[in-house]
């Protein structure tokens, strides 16, 4: 089983050493990793793995029955055997962009819930922008301007973003109705990793996030679309 070393609060680490526990021509499995393997609307990290006599790009990463498979691009030298030590280097600029995007999504989702009573039912994070699907909602231009303004006002507070593990029961009691789809998280997942933004928001989430809202930048809503009965999609980007 691969230890997810970025949890609960080491998601700023982008270089680490680990031991190979499994190897094929396509991927390596390590005893521990800081590569985020994707999930919760956030894509996997990219980067490199290097070892004595070789290196390879990590072009994808995904969970598989408790392991994380690090899929390799062009391999230089002979691939490492189980037991070998490798150095992982995550694309730090990409990781930073995704951390900022994902934290912004939490703020947008909470603003929409508080101000419009609409729950987040889906999201997608990328380096090129992000989207949040909420319901029930039917926004007009004035609503979108208000959401953008309120979101940036929260970001300007530069609240701390704390990541920790908490007992599931305590999380269920603390998270407001409509803020998280807790029923989609298997009941045997306990404790839960949660992301708490000062006195503003608390939500279970396994993704990577900044440490303070001041790191996010400014949210700019770029588009909206109706995605079904009472479902609205908000698309946004970030400026430094």
C-alpha atoms as a PDB file:
ATOM      1  CA  UNK A   1       0.000   0.000   0.000  1.00  0.00           C
ATOM      2  CA  UNK A   2       1.282   3.453  -0.904  1.00  0.00           C
ATOM      3  CA  UNK A   3       1.404   5.990   1.920  1.00  0.00           C
ATOM      4  CA  UNK A   4      -0.162   9.272   0.793  1.00  0.00           C
ATOM      5  CA  UNK A   5       2.455  11.535   2.298  1.00  0.00           C
ATOM      6  CA  UNK A   6       0.809  14.802   1.252  1.00  0.00           C
ATOM      7  CA  UNK A   7      -1.945  14.058   3.783  1.00  0.00           C
ATOM      8  CA  UNK A   8      -3.134  15.617   5.917  1.00  0.00           C
ATOM      9  CA  UNK A   9      -1.195  18.887   5.574  1.00  0.00           C
ATOM     10  CA  UNK A  10       2.032  18.333   3.601  1.00  0.00           C
ATOM     11  CA  UNK A  11       0.619  19.382   0.249  1.00  0.00           C
ATOM     12  CA  UNK A  12       3.335  22.001  -0.199  1.00  0.00           C
ATOM     13  CA  UNK A  13       6.064  19.331  -0.529  1.00  0.00           C
ATOM     14  CA  UNK A  14       7.224  18.832  -4.117  1.00  0.00           C
ATOM     15  CA  UNK A  15      10.435  16.783  -3.679  1.00  0.00           C
ATOM     16  CA  UNK A  16      10.816  13.517  -1.770  1.00  0.00           C
ATOM     17  CA  UNK A  17      12.528  10.116  -1.667  1.00  0.00           C
ATOM     18  CA  UNK A  18      10.754   6.768  -1.668  1.00  0.00           C
ATOM     19  CA  UNK A  19      11.342   3.063  -2.225  1.00  0.00           C
ATOM     20  CA  UNK A  20      10.056   1.159  -5.256  1.00  0.00           C
ATOM     21  CA  UNK A  21       7.665  -1.620  -4.213  1.00  0.00           C
ATOM     22  CA  UNK A  22       6.408  -2.582  -7.656  1.00  0.00           C
ATOM     23  CA  UNK A  23       7.573  -2.000 -11.229  1.00  0.00           C
ATOM     24  CA  UNK A  24       6.286  -2.658 -14.745  1.00  0.00           C
ATOM     25  CA  UNK A  25       7.249  -1.232 -18.113  1.00  0.00           C
ATOM     26  CA  UNK A  26       4.438   1.329 -17.726  1.00  0.00           C
ATOM     27  CA  UNK A  27       4.447   2.398 -14.074  1.00  0.00           C
ATOM     28  CA  UNK A  28       6.146   2.333 -10.690  1.00  0.00           C
ATOM     29  CA  UNK A  29       4.551   1.772  -7.294  1.00  0.00           C
ATOM     30  CA  UNK A  30       6.275   3.387  -4.301  1.00  0.00           C
ATOM     31  CA  UNK A  31       6.056   2.831  -0.564  1.00  0.00           C
ATOM     32  CA  UNK A  32       5.028   6.482  -0.221  1.00  0.00           C
ATOM     33  CA  UNK A  33       4.351   9.428  -2.487  1.00  0.00           C
ATOM     34  CA  UNK A  34       3.644  13.148  -2.576  1.00  0.00           C
ATOM     35  CA  UNK A  35       2.154  12.893  -6.081  1.00  0.00           C
ATOM     36  CA  UNK A  36      -1.573  13.610  -5.908  1.00  0.00           C
ATOM     37  CA  UNK A  37      -3.268  10.709  -7.762  1.00  0.00           C
ATOM     38  CA  UNK A  38      -6.374  12.629  -8.824  1.00  0.00           C
ATOM     39  CA  UNK A  39      -9.847  12.764  -7.355  1.00  0.00           C
ATOM     40  CA  UNK A  40     -12.485  15.206  -6.127  1.00  0.00           C
ATOM     41  CA  UNK A  41     -12.436  17.012  -9.449  1.00  0.00           C
ATOM     42  CA  UNK A  42      -8.682  17.648  -9.281  1.00  0.00           C
ATOM     43  CA  UNK A  43      -6.305  16.054 -11.823  1.00  0.00           C
ATOM     44  CA  UNK A  44      -3.146  14.131 -10.886  1.00  0.00           C
ATOM     45  CA  UNK A  45       0.216  15.772 -10.434  1.00  0.00           C
ATOM     46  CA  UNK A  46       2.943  15.614 -13.068  1.00  0.00           C
ATOM     47  CA  UNK A  47       6.696  15.551 -12.549  1.00  0.00           C
ATOM     48  CA  UNK A  48       9.670  13.182 -12.642  1.00  0.00           C
ATOM     49  CA  UNK A  49      11.124  10.170 -10.862  1.00  0.00           C
ATOM     50  CA  UNK A  50      14.885   9.663 -10.908  1.00  0.00           C
ATOM     51  CA  UNK A  51      17.118   6.878  -9.621  1.00  0.00           C
ATOM     52  CA  UNK A  52      20.698   5.711  -9.852  1.00  0.00           C
ATOM     53  CA  UNK A  53      21.284   5.429 -13.582  1.00  0.00           C
ATOM     54  CA  UNK A  54      17.957   6.667 -14.874  1.00  0.00           C
ATOM     55  CA  UNK A  55      14.951   8.948 -14.796  1.00  0.00           C
ATOM     56  CA  UNK A  56      11.464   9.230 -16.279  1.00  0.00           C
ATOM     57  CA  UNK A  57       8.651  11.717 -16.535  1.00  0.00           C
ATOM     58  CA  UNK A  58       5.547  10.971 -14.471  1.00  0.00           C
ATOM     59  CA  UNK A  59       2.746  11.582 -16.959  1.00  0.00           C
ATOM     60  CA  UNK A  60      -0.111  10.307 -14.793  1.00  0.00           C
ATOM     61  CA  UNK A  61      -0.818   8.916 -11.334  1.00  0.00           C
ATOM     62  CA  UNK A  62      -3.811   7.010 -10.072  1.00  0.00           C
ATOM     63  CA  UNK A  63      -4.938   4.925  -7.126  1.00  0.00           C
ATOM     64  CA  UNK A  64      -5.347   1.188  -7.595  1.00  0.00           C
ATOM     65  CA  UNK A  65      -6.487  -0.939  -4.647  1.00  0.00           C
ATOM     66  CA  UNK A  66      -4.446   1.015  -2.114  1.00  0.00           C
ATOM     67  CA  UNK A  67      -1.421   1.554  -4.325  1.00  0.00           C
ATOM     68  CA  UNK A  68      -0.574   4.630  -6.375  1.00  0.00           C
ATOM     69  CA  UNK A  69       0.646   3.866  -9.868  1.00  0.00           C
ATOM     70  CA  UNK A  70       3.079   6.454 -11.226  1.00  0.00           C
ATOM     71  CA  UNK A  71       2.783   6.133 -15.004  1.00  0.00           C
ATOM     72  CA  UNK A  72       6.022   6.804 -16.829  1.00  0.00           C
ATOM     73  CA  UNK A  73       6.836   8.700 -20.012  1.00  0.00           C
ATOM     74  CA  UNK A  74      10.124   8.196 -21.847  1.00  0.00           C
ATOM     75  CA  UNK A  75      12.464   6.260 -19.560  1.00  0.00           C
ATOM     76  CA  UNK A  76      16.167   7.104 -19.604  1.00  0.00           C
ATOM     77  CA  UNK A  77      18.362   4.176 -18.535  1.00  0.00           C
ATOM     78  CA  UNK A  78      17.215   0.898 -17.036  1.00  0.00           C
ATOM     79  CA  UNK A  79      14.025   1.051 -14.966  1.00  0.00           C
ATOM     80  CA  UNK A  80      14.501   0.588 -11.214  1.00  0.00           C
ATOM     81  CA  UNK A  81      13.784  -2.724  -9.533  1.00  0.00           C
ATOM     82  CA  UNK A  82      11.765  -3.157  -6.337  1.00  0.00           C
ATOM     83  CA  UNK A  83      13.836  -2.009  -3.398  1.00  0.00           C
ATOM     84  CA  UNK A  84      15.524   0.815  -5.297  1.00  0.00           C
ATOM     85  CA  UNK A  85      15.403   4.376  -3.983  1.00  0.00           C
ATOM     86  CA  UNK A  86      13.889   7.026  -6.229  1.00  0.00           C
ATOM     87  CA  UNK A  87      13.623  10.792  -5.963  1.00  0.00           C
ATOM     88  CA  UNK A  88      10.288  12.304  -6.890  1.00  0.00           C
ATOM     89  CA  UNK A  89      10.008  15.870  -8.131  1.00  0.00           C
ATOM     90  CA  UNK A  90       6.534  17.257  -8.670  1.00  0.00           C
ATOM     91  CA  UNK A  91       5.966  20.062 -11.174  1.00  0.00           C
ATOM     92  CA  UNK A  92       5.823  22.762  -8.497  1.00  0.00           C
ATOM     93  CA  UNK A  93       4.281  25.495 -10.660  1.00  0.00           C
ATOM     94  CA  UNK A  94       1.476  23.183 -11.766  1.00  0.00           C
ATOM     95  CA  UNK A  95       0.892  21.964  -8.205  1.00  0.00           C
ATOM     96  CA  UNK A  96       0.730  25.562  -6.969  1.00  0.00           C
ATOM     97  CA  UNK A  97      -1.787  26.500  -9.651  1.00  0.00           C
ATOM     98  CA  UNK A  98      -4.008  23.535  -8.773  1.00  0.00           C
ATOM     99  CA  UNK A  99      -3.779  24.270  -5.042  1.00  0.00           C
ATOM    100  CA  UNK A 100      -4.916  27.833  -5.671  1.00  0.00           C
ATOM    101  CA  UNK A 101      -7.716  26.746  -8.026  1.00  0.00           C
ATOM    102  CA  UNK A 102      -9.030  24.117  -5.620  1.00  0.00           C
ATOM    103  CA  UNK A 103      -9.033  26.441  -2.618  1.00  0.00           C
ATOM    104  CA  UNK A 104     -10.872  29.046  -4.694  1.00  0.00           C
ATOM    105  CA  UNK A 105     -13.496  26.415  -5.493  1.00  0.00           C
ATOM    106  CA  UNK A 106     -14.161  25.891  -1.794  1.00  0.00           C
ATOM    107  CA  UNK A 107     -14.721  29.613  -1.339  1.00  0.00           C
ATOM    108  CA  UNK A 108     -17.004  29.906  -4.382  1.00  0.00           C
ATOM    109  CA  UNK A 109     -19.018  26.891  -3.232  1.00  0.00           C
ATOM    110  CA  UNK A 110     -19.505  28.295   0.253  1.00  0.00           C
ATOM    111  CA  UNK A 111     -20.446  31.750  -1.036  1.00  0.00           C
ATOM    112  CA  UNK A 112     -23.083  30.267  -3.330  1.00  0.00           C
ATOM    113  CA  UNK A 113     -24.452  28.085  -0.536  1.00  0.00           C
ATOM    114  CA  UNK A 114     -24.628  30.947   1.956  1.00  0.00           C
ATOM    115  CA  UNK A 115     -26.016  33.586  -0.396  1.00  0.00           C
ATOM    116  CA  UNK A 116     -28.219  31.522  -2.708  1.00  0.00           C
ATOM    117  CA  UNK A 117     -28.908  28.249  -0.859  1.00  0.00           C
ATOM    118  CA  UNK A 118     -27.390  26.273  -3.763  1.00  0.00           C
ATOM    119  CA  UNK A 119     -25.300  23.175  -3.039  1.00  0.00           C
ATOM    120  CA  UNK A 120     -22.265  22.111  -5.045  1.00  0.00           C
ATOM    121  CA  UNK A 121     -23.046  18.913  -6.970  1.00  0.00           C
ATOM    122  CA  UNK A 122     -19.906  18.758  -9.115  1.00  0.00           C
ATOM    123  CA  UNK A 123     -16.656  20.505  -9.873  1.00  0.00           C
ATOM    124  CA  UNK A 124     -13.632  20.271 -12.130  1.00  0.00           C
ATOM    125  CA  UNK A 125     -10.253  21.819 -11.448  1.00  0.00           C
ATOM    126  CA  UNK A 126      -7.543  22.432 -14.066  1.00  0.00           C
ATOM    127  CA  UNK A 127      -4.569  24.716 -14.569  1.00  0.00           C
ATOM    128  CA  UNK A 128      -6.518  26.552 -17.291  1.00  0.00           C
ATOM    129  CA  UNK A 129      -9.611  27.287 -15.198  1.00  0.00           C
ATOM    130  CA  UNK A 130     -12.220  25.591 -13.095  1.00  0.00           C
ATOM    131  CA  UNK A 131     -15.952  25.072 -12.856  1.00  0.00           C
ATOM    132  CA  UNK A 132     -18.514  24.487 -10.134  1.00  0.00           C
ATOM    133  CA  UNK A 133     -21.968  22.978 -10.689  1.00  0.00           C
ATOM    134  CA  UNK A 134     -24.594  24.058  -8.156  1.00  0.00           C
ATOM    135  CA  UNK A 135     -28.299  23.485  -7.554  1.00  0.00           C
ATOM    136  CA  UNK A 136     -30.939  24.724  -7.253  1.00  0.00           C
ATOM    137  CA  UNK A 137     -29.913  27.879  -9.060  1.00  0.00           C
ATOM    138  CA  UNK A 138     -30.790  30.200 -11.939  1.00  0.00           C
ATOM    139  CA  UNK A 139     -28.236  33.012 -11.984  1.00  0.00           C
ATOM    140  CA  UNK A 140     -28.306  36.241 -13.939  1.00  0.00           C
ATOM    141  CA  UNK A 141     -25.422  38.612 -14.642  1.00  0.00           C
ATOM    142  CA  UNK A 142     -26.010  40.535 -11.436  1.00  0.00           C
ATOM    143  CA  UNK A 143     -25.828  37.310  -9.424  1.00  0.00           C
ATOM    144  CA  UNK A 144     -22.527  36.332 -11.035  1.00  0.00           C
ATOM    145  CA  UNK A 145     -21.068  39.768 -10.325  1.00  0.00           C
ATOM    146  CA  UNK A 146     -22.179  39.472  -6.705  1.00  0.00           C
ATOM    147  CA  UNK A 147     -20.682  35.984  -6.365  1.00  0.00           C
ATOM    148  CA  UNK A 148     -17.366  37.183  -7.802  1.00  0.00           C
ATOM    149  CA  UNK A 149     -17.329  40.240  -5.546  1.00  0.00           C
ATOM    150  CA  UNK A 150     -18.185  38.273  -2.395  1.00  0.00           C
ATOM    151  CA  UNK A 151     -15.649  35.529  -3.210  1.00  0.00           C
ATOM    152  CA  UNK A 152     -12.837  38.029  -3.607  1.00  0.00           C
ATOM    153  CA  UNK A 153     -13.852  39.796  -0.416  1.00  0.00           C
ATOM    154  CA  UNK A 154     -13.420  36.496   1.434  1.00  0.00           C
ATOM    155  CA  UNK A 155     -10.052  35.865  -0.256  1.00  0.00           C
ATOM    156  CA  UNK A 156      -8.918  39.331   0.797  1.00  0.00           C
ATOM    157  CA  UNK A 157      -9.372  38.292   4.434  1.00  0.00           C
ATOM    158  CA  UNK A 158      -6.308  36.025   4.040  1.00  0.00           C
ATOM    159  CA  UNK A 159      -7.783  33.423   6.381  1.00  0.00           C
ATOM    160  CA  UNK A 160      -5.686  30.384   7.342  1.00  0.00           C
ATOM    161  CA  UNK A 161      -6.420  27.151   5.479  1.00  0.00           C
ATOM    162  CA  UNK A 162      -5.930  24.239   7.852  1.00  0.00           C
ATOM    163  CA  UNK A 163      -5.874  20.623   6.724  1.00  0.00           C
ATOM    164  CA  UNK A 164      -6.361  17.853   9.273  1.00  0.00           C
ATOM    165  CA  UNK A 165      -7.972  14.494   9.964  1.00  0.00           C
ATOM    166  CA  UNK A 166     -11.117  14.409  12.084  1.00  0.00           C
ATOM    167  CA  UNK A 167     -13.503  11.722  13.229  1.00  0.00           C
ATOM    168  CA  UNK A 168     -16.319  11.286  10.749  1.00  0.00           C
ATOM    169  CA  UNK A 169     -19.059  11.874  13.308  1.00  0.00           C
ATOM    170  CA  UNK A 170     -17.589  15.226  14.293  1.00  0.00           C
ATOM    171  CA  UNK A 171     -17.313  16.255  10.649  1.00  0.00           C
ATOM    172  CA  UNK A 172     -20.905  15.278   9.930  1.00  0.00           C
ATOM    173  CA  UNK A 173     -22.045  17.402  12.865  1.00  0.00           C
ATOM    174  CA  UNK A 174     -19.942  20.417  11.842  1.00  0.00           C
ATOM    175  CA  UNK A 175     -20.499  20.574   8.057  1.00  0.00           C
ATOM    176  CA  UNK A 176     -23.630  22.563   7.157  1.00  0.00           C
ATOM    177  CA  UNK A 177     -26.345  20.930   5.102  1.00  0.00           C
ATOM    178  CA  UNK A 178     -25.623  21.225   1.400  1.00  0.00           C
ATOM    179  CA  UNK A 179     -21.903  21.879   1.802  1.00  0.00           C
ATOM    180  CA  UNK A 180     -20.605  18.355   1.140  1.00  0.00           C
ATOM    181  CA  UNK A 181     -21.876  15.126  -0.394  1.00  0.00           C
ATOM    182  CA  UNK A 182     -20.956  13.038   2.623  1.00  0.00           C
ATOM    183  CA  UNK A 183     -23.224  10.211   1.505  1.00  0.00           C
ATOM    184  CA  UNK A 184     -20.862   9.606  -1.424  1.00  0.00           C
ATOM    185  CA  UNK A 185     -17.923   8.942   0.910  1.00  0.00           C
ATOM    186  CA  UNK A 186     -17.920   5.259   1.963  1.00  0.00           C
ATOM    187  CA  UNK A 187     -19.008   4.849   5.578  1.00  0.00           C
ATOM    188  CA  UNK A 188     -15.819   3.012   6.537  1.00  0.00           C
ATOM    189  CA  UNK A 189     -13.681   6.071   5.702  1.00  0.00           C
ATOM    190  CA  UNK A 190     -13.035   7.379   9.196  1.00  0.00           C
ATOM    191  CA  UNK A 191     -11.349   9.687  10.079  1.00  0.00           C
ATOM    192  CA  UNK A 192     -11.943  12.138   7.233  1.00  0.00           C
ATOM    193  CA  UNK A 193      -9.422  14.613   5.909  1.00  0.00           C
ATOM    194  CA  UNK A 194     -10.994  18.060   6.162  1.00  0.00           C
ATOM    195  CA  UNK A 195     -10.099  21.520   4.908  1.00  0.00           C
ATOM    196  CA  UNK A 196     -11.028  24.369   7.268  1.00  0.00           C
ATOM    197  CA  UNK A 197     -10.867  27.980   6.111  1.00  0.00           C
ATOM    198  CA  UNK A 198     -10.729  30.127   9.235  1.00  0.00           C
ATOM    199  CA  UNK A 199     -14.221  30.820  10.548  1.00  0.00           C
ATOM    200  CA  UNK A 200     -15.644  30.692   7.022  1.00  0.00           C
ATOM    201  CA  UNK A 201     -15.818  27.079   5.842  1.00  0.00           C
ATOM    202  CA  UNK A 202     -15.251  23.440   6.737  1.00  0.00           C
ATOM    203  CA  UNK A 203     -15.432  20.655   4.167  1.00  0.00           C
ATOM    204  CA  UNK A 204     -14.094  17.098   3.800  1.00  0.00           C
ATOM    205  CA  UNK A 205     -11.638  17.019   0.898  1.00  0.00           C
ATOM    206  CA  UNK A 206      -8.575  15.017  -0.104  1.00  0.00           C
ATOM    207  CA  UNK A 207      -7.192  17.533  -2.590  1.00  0.00           C
ATOM    208  CA  UNK A 208      -4.255  19.897  -2.341  1.00  0.00           C
ATOM    209  CA  UNK A 209      -4.776  23.426  -1.018  1.00  0.00           C
ATOM    210  CA  UNK A 210      -2.850  26.578  -0.152  1.00  0.00           C
ATOM    211  CA  UNK A 211      -2.076  27.460   3.469  1.00  0.00           C
ATOM    212  CA  UNK A 212      -3.692  30.920   3.442  1.00  0.00           C
ATOM    213  CA  UNK A 213      -6.341  32.524   1.245  1.00  0.00           C
ATOM    214  CA  UNK A 214      -3.943  35.346   0.391  1.00  0.00           C
ATOM    215  CA  UNK A 215      -2.042  32.873  -1.810  1.00  0.00           C
ATOM    216  CA  UNK A 216      -5.028  32.236  -4.093  1.00  0.00           C
ATOM    217  CA  UNK A 217      -5.093  35.481  -6.071  1.00  0.00           C
ATOM    218  CA  UNK A 218      -8.256  37.006  -7.539  1.00  0.00           C
ATOM    219  CA  UNK A 219     -11.213  35.017  -8.877  1.00  0.00           C
ATOM    220  CA  UNK A 220     -12.673  36.099 -12.199  1.00  0.00           C
ATOM    221  CA  UNK A 221     -15.924  34.428 -13.289  1.00  0.00           C
ATOM    222  CA  UNK A 222     -15.624  33.782 -17.022  1.00  0.00           C
ATOM    223  CA  UNK A 223     -18.879  32.037 -17.966  1.00  0.00           C
ATOM    224  CA  UNK A 224     -22.047  30.341 -16.799  1.00  0.00           C
ATOM    225  CA  UNK A 225     -24.285  27.688 -18.319  1.00  0.00           C
ATOM    226  CA  UNK A 226     -27.481  25.841 -17.471  1.00  0.00           C
ATOM    227  CA  UNK A 227     -26.656  22.132 -17.051  1.00  0.00           C
ATOM    228  CA  UNK A 228     -30.125  20.747 -16.475  1.00  0.00           C
ATOM    229  CA  UNK A 229     -33.165  21.558 -14.403  1.00  0.00           C
ATOM    230  CA  UNK A 230     -32.120  24.019 -11.683  1.00  0.00           C
ATOM    231  CA  UNK A 231     -28.398  23.227 -12.193  1.00  0.00           C
ATOM    232  CA  UNK A 232     -26.029  26.094 -13.010  1.00  0.00           C
ATOM    233  CA  UNK A 233     -22.349  25.839 -13.952  1.00  0.00           C
ATOM    234  CA  UNK A 234     -20.032  28.657 -12.921  1.00  0.00           C
ATOM    235  CA  UNK A 235     -16.677  28.819 -14.693  1.00  0.00           C
ATOM    236  CA  UNK A 236     -13.820  30.872 -13.276  1.00  0.00           C
ATOM    237  CA  UNK A 237     -10.138  31.621 -13.597  1.00  0.00           C
ATOM    238  CA  UNK A 238      -7.513  33.204 -11.358  1.00  0.00           C
ATOM    239  CA  UNK A 239      -5.318  36.235 -11.745  1.00  0.00           C
ATOM    240  CA  UNK A 240      -2.197  36.665  -9.587  1.00  0.00           C
END
